[in-house]
């Protein structure tokens, strides 16, 4: 059973790290004027825009033309990742 919890811990950690990297790439790409028809740009926008749009709807995170929603998303992802990983670690000790 310990192997299951260890594998779950690694998978959850990897998923969060990959998504964090994608959000960072999206933020960096937004500083230039990317070609919207580029498949990489479309992928980054398609994967991150649903979450960022919800955040923008509930939290006004634009100041002087600067969108801070990616930073807020990165902070939220880090907190959620730590909560999930600690929960998985505690569950693994219980079995």
N, C-alpha and C. Protein backbone atom coordinates (compact mmCIF):
# COMPACT_ATOMS: atom_id res chain seq x y z
N UNK A 1 0.83 -1.20 0.00
CA UNK A 1 0.00 0.00 0.00
C UNK A 1 0.87 1.26 0.00
N UNK A 2 2.03 1.18 0.61
CA UNK A 2 2.96 2.31 0.66
C UNK A 2 3.40 2.72 -0.75
N UNK A 3 3.54 1.74 -1.64
CA UNK A 3 3.95 2.04 -3.01
C UNK A 3 2.86 2.86 -3.71
N UNK A 4 1.61 2.53 -3.47
CA UNK A 4 0.50 3.29 -4.06
C UNK A 4 0.55 4.75 -3.63
N UNK A 5 0.70 5.01 -2.32
CA UNK A 5 0.71 6.37 -1.82
C UNK A 5 1.92 7.14 -2.35
N UNK A 6 3.04 6.46 -2.44
CA UNK A 6 4.24 7.10 -2.98
C UNK A 6 4.05 7.48 -4.44
N UNK A 7 3.47 6.58 -5.21
CA UNK A 7 3.21 6.86 -6.63
C UNK A 7 2.20 7.99 -6.78
N UNK A 8 1.15 7.98 -5.98
CA UNK A 8 0.15 9.05 -6.03
C UNK A 8 0.77 10.39 -5.68
N UNK A 9 1.63 10.40 -4.67
CA UNK A 9 2.33 11.62 -4.26
C UNK A 9 3.15 12.17 -5.43
N UNK A 10 3.88 11.29 -6.11
CA UNK A 10 4.72 11.71 -7.23
C UNK A 10 3.89 12.22 -8.40
N UNK A 11 2.79 11.55 -8.70
CA UNK A 11 1.94 11.96 -9.82
C UNK A 11 1.30 13.32 -9.54
N UNK A 12 0.77 13.51 -8.36
CA UNK A 12 0.15 14.79 -8.00
C UNK A 12 1.19 15.91 -8.07
N UNK A 13 2.37 15.66 -7.54
CA UNK A 13 3.44 16.64 -7.58
C UNK A 13 3.82 16.98 -9.02
N UNK A 14 3.94 15.98 -9.87
CA UNK A 14 4.31 16.20 -11.26
C UNK A 14 3.24 16.99 -12.01
N UNK A 15 1.98 16.66 -11.79
CA UNK A 15 0.89 17.37 -12.46
C UNK A 15 0.90 18.84 -12.08
N UNK A 16 1.07 19.13 -10.81
CA UNK A 16 1.10 20.52 -10.37
C UNK A 16 2.31 21.25 -10.93
N UNK A 17 3.47 20.61 -10.94
CA UNK A 17 4.68 21.25 -11.46
C UNK A 17 4.56 21.54 -12.95
N UNK A 18 3.99 20.63 -13.70
CA UNK A 18 3.81 20.85 -15.14
C UNK A 18 2.84 22.01 -15.38
N UNK A 19 1.75 22.04 -14.63
CA UNK A 19 0.78 23.12 -14.82
C UNK A 19 1.37 24.46 -14.41
N UNK A 20 2.15 24.48 -13.36
CA UNK A 20 2.83 25.71 -12.94
C UNK A 20 3.77 26.19 -14.05
N UNK A 21 4.49 25.28 -14.65
CA UNK A 21 5.38 25.63 -15.76
C UNK A 21 4.57 26.20 -16.93
N UNK A 22 3.42 25.61 -17.22
CA UNK A 22 2.57 26.10 -18.31
C UNK A 22 2.07 27.51 -18.01
N UNK A 23 1.68 27.78 -16.77
CA UNK A 23 1.21 29.13 -16.40
C UNK A 23 2.35 30.14 -16.53
N UNK A 24 3.54 29.77 -16.12
CA UNK A 24 4.70 30.65 -16.26
C UNK A 24 4.98 30.93 -17.73
N UNK A 25 4.94 29.89 -18.56
CA UNK A 25 5.16 30.06 -20.00
C UNK A 25 4.10 31.00 -20.59
N UNK A 26 2.87 30.83 -20.15
CA UNK A 26 1.78 31.69 -20.63
C UNK A 26 2.04 33.15 -20.25
N UNK A 27 2.49 33.37 -19.02
CA UNK A 27 2.76 34.74 -18.57
C UNK A 27 3.92 35.35 -19.37
N UNK A 28 4.94 34.57 -19.60
CA UNK A 28 6.09 35.08 -20.37
C UNK A 28 5.70 35.38 -21.81
N UNK A 29 4.89 34.51 -22.39
CA UNK A 29 4.45 34.69 -23.78
C UNK A 29 3.59 35.95 -23.91
N UNK A 30 2.86 36.30 -22.86
CA UNK A 30 1.97 37.46 -22.94
C UNK A 30 2.74 38.78 -22.98
N UNK A 31 4.01 38.77 -22.63
CA UNK A 31 4.80 40.00 -22.66
C UNK A 31 5.17 40.42 -24.07
N UNK A 32 5.15 39.48 -25.00
CA UNK A 32 5.42 39.80 -26.40
C UNK A 32 4.11 39.66 -27.15
N UNK A 33 4.09 40.02 -28.38
CA UNK A 33 2.86 39.84 -29.15
C UNK A 33 2.99 38.54 -29.96
N UNK A 34 2.54 37.44 -29.36
CA UNK A 34 2.69 36.15 -30.03
C UNK A 34 1.70 36.00 -31.19
N UNK A 35 2.06 35.13 -32.10
CA UNK A 35 1.18 34.81 -33.22
C UNK A 35 0.05 33.93 -32.69
N UNK A 36 -1.19 34.40 -32.71
CA UNK A 36 -2.29 33.61 -32.13
C UNK A 36 -2.55 32.30 -32.86
N UNK A 37 -2.04 32.15 -34.07
CA UNK A 37 -2.26 30.90 -34.80
C UNK A 37 -1.18 29.86 -34.51
N UNK A 38 -0.16 30.25 -33.75
CA UNK A 38 0.89 29.31 -33.39
C UNK A 38 0.31 28.23 -32.48
N UNK A 39 0.57 26.95 -32.79
CA UNK A 39 -0.03 25.87 -31.98
C UNK A 39 0.42 25.89 -30.52
N UNK A 40 1.63 26.30 -30.25
CA UNK A 40 2.10 26.36 -28.86
C UNK A 40 1.36 27.46 -28.11
N UNK A 41 1.21 28.60 -28.72
CA UNK A 41 0.49 29.71 -28.09
C UNK A 41 -0.97 29.32 -27.86
N UNK A 42 -1.58 28.69 -28.84
CA UNK A 42 -2.99 28.25 -28.68
C UNK A 42 -3.10 27.24 -27.54
N UNK A 43 -2.14 26.30 -27.45
CA UNK A 43 -2.17 25.32 -26.37
C UNK A 43 -2.07 26.01 -25.02
N UNK A 44 -1.11 26.93 -24.88
CA UNK A 44 -0.94 27.63 -23.60
C UNK A 44 -2.20 28.39 -23.21
N UNK A 45 -2.81 29.07 -24.16
CA UNK A 45 -4.03 29.83 -23.87
C UNK A 45 -5.21 28.89 -23.57
N UNK A 46 -5.34 27.81 -24.33
CA UNK A 46 -6.46 26.88 -24.11
C UNK A 46 -6.38 26.19 -22.76
N UNK A 47 -5.17 25.92 -22.29
CA UNK A 47 -5.01 25.20 -21.02
C UNK A 47 -5.15 26.14 -19.82
N UNK A 48 -4.74 27.39 -19.97
CA UNK A 48 -4.75 28.29 -18.82
C UNK A 48 -5.92 29.26 -18.78
N UNK A 49 -6.47 29.61 -19.91
CA UNK A 49 -7.50 30.65 -19.95
C UNK A 49 -8.76 30.31 -19.14
N UNK A 50 -9.25 29.07 -19.15
CA UNK A 50 -10.45 28.81 -18.33
C UNK A 50 -10.25 29.12 -16.85
N UNK A 51 -9.10 28.79 -16.31
CA UNK A 51 -8.83 29.05 -14.89
C UNK A 51 -8.58 30.54 -14.67
N UNK A 52 -7.80 31.14 -15.54
CA UNK A 52 -7.50 32.57 -15.38
C UNK A 52 -8.74 33.42 -15.57
N UNK A 53 -9.62 33.05 -16.48
CA UNK A 53 -10.85 33.81 -16.70
C UNK A 53 -11.74 33.78 -15.46
N UNK A 54 -11.83 32.63 -14.82
CA UNK A 54 -12.63 32.55 -13.58
C UNK A 54 -12.03 33.42 -12.49
N UNK A 55 -10.68 33.39 -12.40
CA UNK A 55 -10.04 34.22 -11.37
C UNK A 55 -10.29 35.69 -11.64
N UNK A 56 -10.20 36.10 -12.90
CA UNK A 56 -10.44 37.50 -13.25
C UNK A 56 -11.87 37.92 -12.98
N UNK A 57 -12.81 36.97 -13.12
CA UNK A 57 -14.22 37.28 -12.88
C UNK A 57 -14.47 37.59 -11.41
N UNK A 58 -13.80 36.85 -10.51
CA UNK A 58 -14.06 37.02 -9.08
C UNK A 58 -13.07 37.95 -8.38
N UNK A 59 -11.86 38.07 -8.92
CA UNK A 59 -10.85 38.93 -8.30
C UNK A 59 -10.36 39.95 -9.33
N UNK A 60 -10.55 41.22 -9.06
CA UNK A 60 -10.03 42.23 -10.00
C UNK A 60 -8.52 42.37 -9.85
N UNK A 61 -7.79 41.67 -10.68
CA UNK A 61 -6.34 41.62 -10.53
C UNK A 61 -5.61 42.33 -11.68
N UNK A 62 -6.21 43.36 -12.24
CA UNK A 62 -5.55 44.12 -13.28
C UNK A 62 -5.34 45.55 -12.78
N UNK A 63 -4.08 45.96 -12.78
CA UNK A 63 -3.72 47.29 -12.32
C UNK A 63 -2.84 47.95 -13.37
N UNK A 64 -3.25 49.09 -13.84
CA UNK A 64 -2.48 49.86 -14.84
C UNK A 64 -2.12 49.03 -16.06
N UNK A 65 -3.04 48.19 -16.48
CA UNK A 65 -2.81 47.37 -17.66
C UNK A 65 -1.99 46.11 -17.41
N UNK A 66 -1.62 45.86 -16.18
CA UNK A 66 -0.84 44.66 -15.84
C UNK A 66 -1.78 43.65 -15.21
N UNK A 67 -1.81 42.47 -15.80
CA UNK A 67 -2.67 41.38 -15.30
C UNK A 67 -1.90 40.55 -14.29
N UNK A 68 -2.34 40.58 -13.06
CA UNK A 68 -1.68 39.83 -11.99
C UNK A 68 -2.33 38.48 -11.70
N UNK A 69 -3.32 38.10 -12.51
CA UNK A 69 -3.99 36.82 -12.26
C UNK A 69 -3.06 35.61 -12.40
N UNK A 70 -2.06 35.59 -13.29
CA UNK A 70 -1.15 34.44 -13.30
C UNK A 70 -0.36 34.29 -11.99
N UNK A 71 0.00 35.42 -11.38
CA UNK A 71 0.72 35.35 -10.10
C UNK A 71 -0.19 34.79 -9.01
N UNK A 72 -1.43 35.26 -9.00
CA UNK A 72 -2.39 34.75 -8.01
C UNK A 72 -2.64 33.26 -8.24
N UNK A 73 -2.71 32.85 -9.51
CA UNK A 73 -2.91 31.43 -9.82
C UNK A 73 -1.72 30.60 -9.37
N UNK A 74 -0.51 31.10 -9.57
CA UNK A 74 0.67 30.38 -9.12
C UNK A 74 0.68 30.22 -7.61
N UNK A 75 0.31 31.25 -6.90
CA UNK A 75 0.23 31.16 -5.44
C UNK A 75 -0.83 30.15 -5.01
N UNK A 76 -1.99 30.21 -5.64
CA UNK A 76 -3.06 29.27 -5.31
C UNK A 76 -2.66 27.84 -5.62
N UNK A 77 -2.01 27.63 -6.76
CA UNK A 77 -1.56 26.28 -7.12
C UNK A 77 -0.55 25.75 -6.11
N UNK A 78 0.35 26.60 -5.66
CA UNK A 78 1.35 26.18 -4.68
C UNK A 78 0.71 25.78 -3.36
N UNK A 79 -0.26 26.57 -2.92
CA UNK A 79 -0.95 26.26 -1.66
C UNK A 79 -1.73 24.95 -1.79
N UNK A 80 -2.48 24.81 -2.87
CA UNK A 80 -3.27 23.59 -3.08
C UNK A 80 -2.36 22.37 -3.20
N UNK A 81 -1.24 22.53 -3.90
CA UNK A 81 -0.30 21.42 -4.03
C UNK A 81 0.23 20.98 -2.67
N UNK A 82 0.62 21.94 -1.84
CA UNK A 82 1.13 21.59 -0.52
C UNK A 82 0.07 20.91 0.35
N UNK A 83 -1.15 21.39 0.28
CA UNK A 83 -2.23 20.77 1.06
C UNK A 83 -2.45 19.34 0.61
N UNK A 84 -2.54 19.12 -0.71
CA UNK A 84 -2.76 17.77 -1.23
C UNK A 84 -1.61 16.84 -0.90
N UNK A 85 -0.38 17.32 -1.07
CA UNK A 85 0.77 16.46 -0.82
C UNK A 85 0.90 16.10 0.66
N UNK A 86 0.61 17.06 1.52
CA UNK A 86 0.66 16.74 2.96
C UNK A 86 -0.47 15.79 3.35
N UNK A 87 -1.62 15.92 2.74
CA UNK A 87 -2.72 14.99 3.00
C UNK A 87 -2.35 13.59 2.55
N UNK A 88 -1.77 13.48 1.37
CA UNK A 88 -1.35 12.17 0.87
C UNK A 88 -0.28 11.57 1.78
N UNK A 89 0.66 12.39 2.24
CA UNK A 89 1.71 11.90 3.14
C UNK A 89 1.11 11.41 4.45
N UNK A 90 0.14 12.13 4.98
CA UNK A 90 -0.51 11.70 6.22
C UNK A 90 -1.30 10.43 6.02
N UNK A 91 -1.99 10.31 4.89
CA UNK A 91 -2.74 9.09 4.62
C UNK A 91 -1.82 7.90 4.46
N UNK A 92 -0.65 8.12 3.89
CA UNK A 92 0.29 7.01 3.70
C UNK A 92 0.83 6.51 5.05
N UNK A 93 0.97 7.41 6.02
CA UNK A 93 1.42 6.99 7.33
C UNK A 93 0.34 6.24 8.09
N UNK A 94 -0.91 6.51 7.74
CA UNK A 94 -2.02 5.87 8.44
C UNK A 94 -2.22 4.42 8.04
N UNK A 95 -1.70 4.03 6.88
CA UNK A 95 -1.90 2.66 6.41
C UNK A 95 -0.70 1.83 6.64
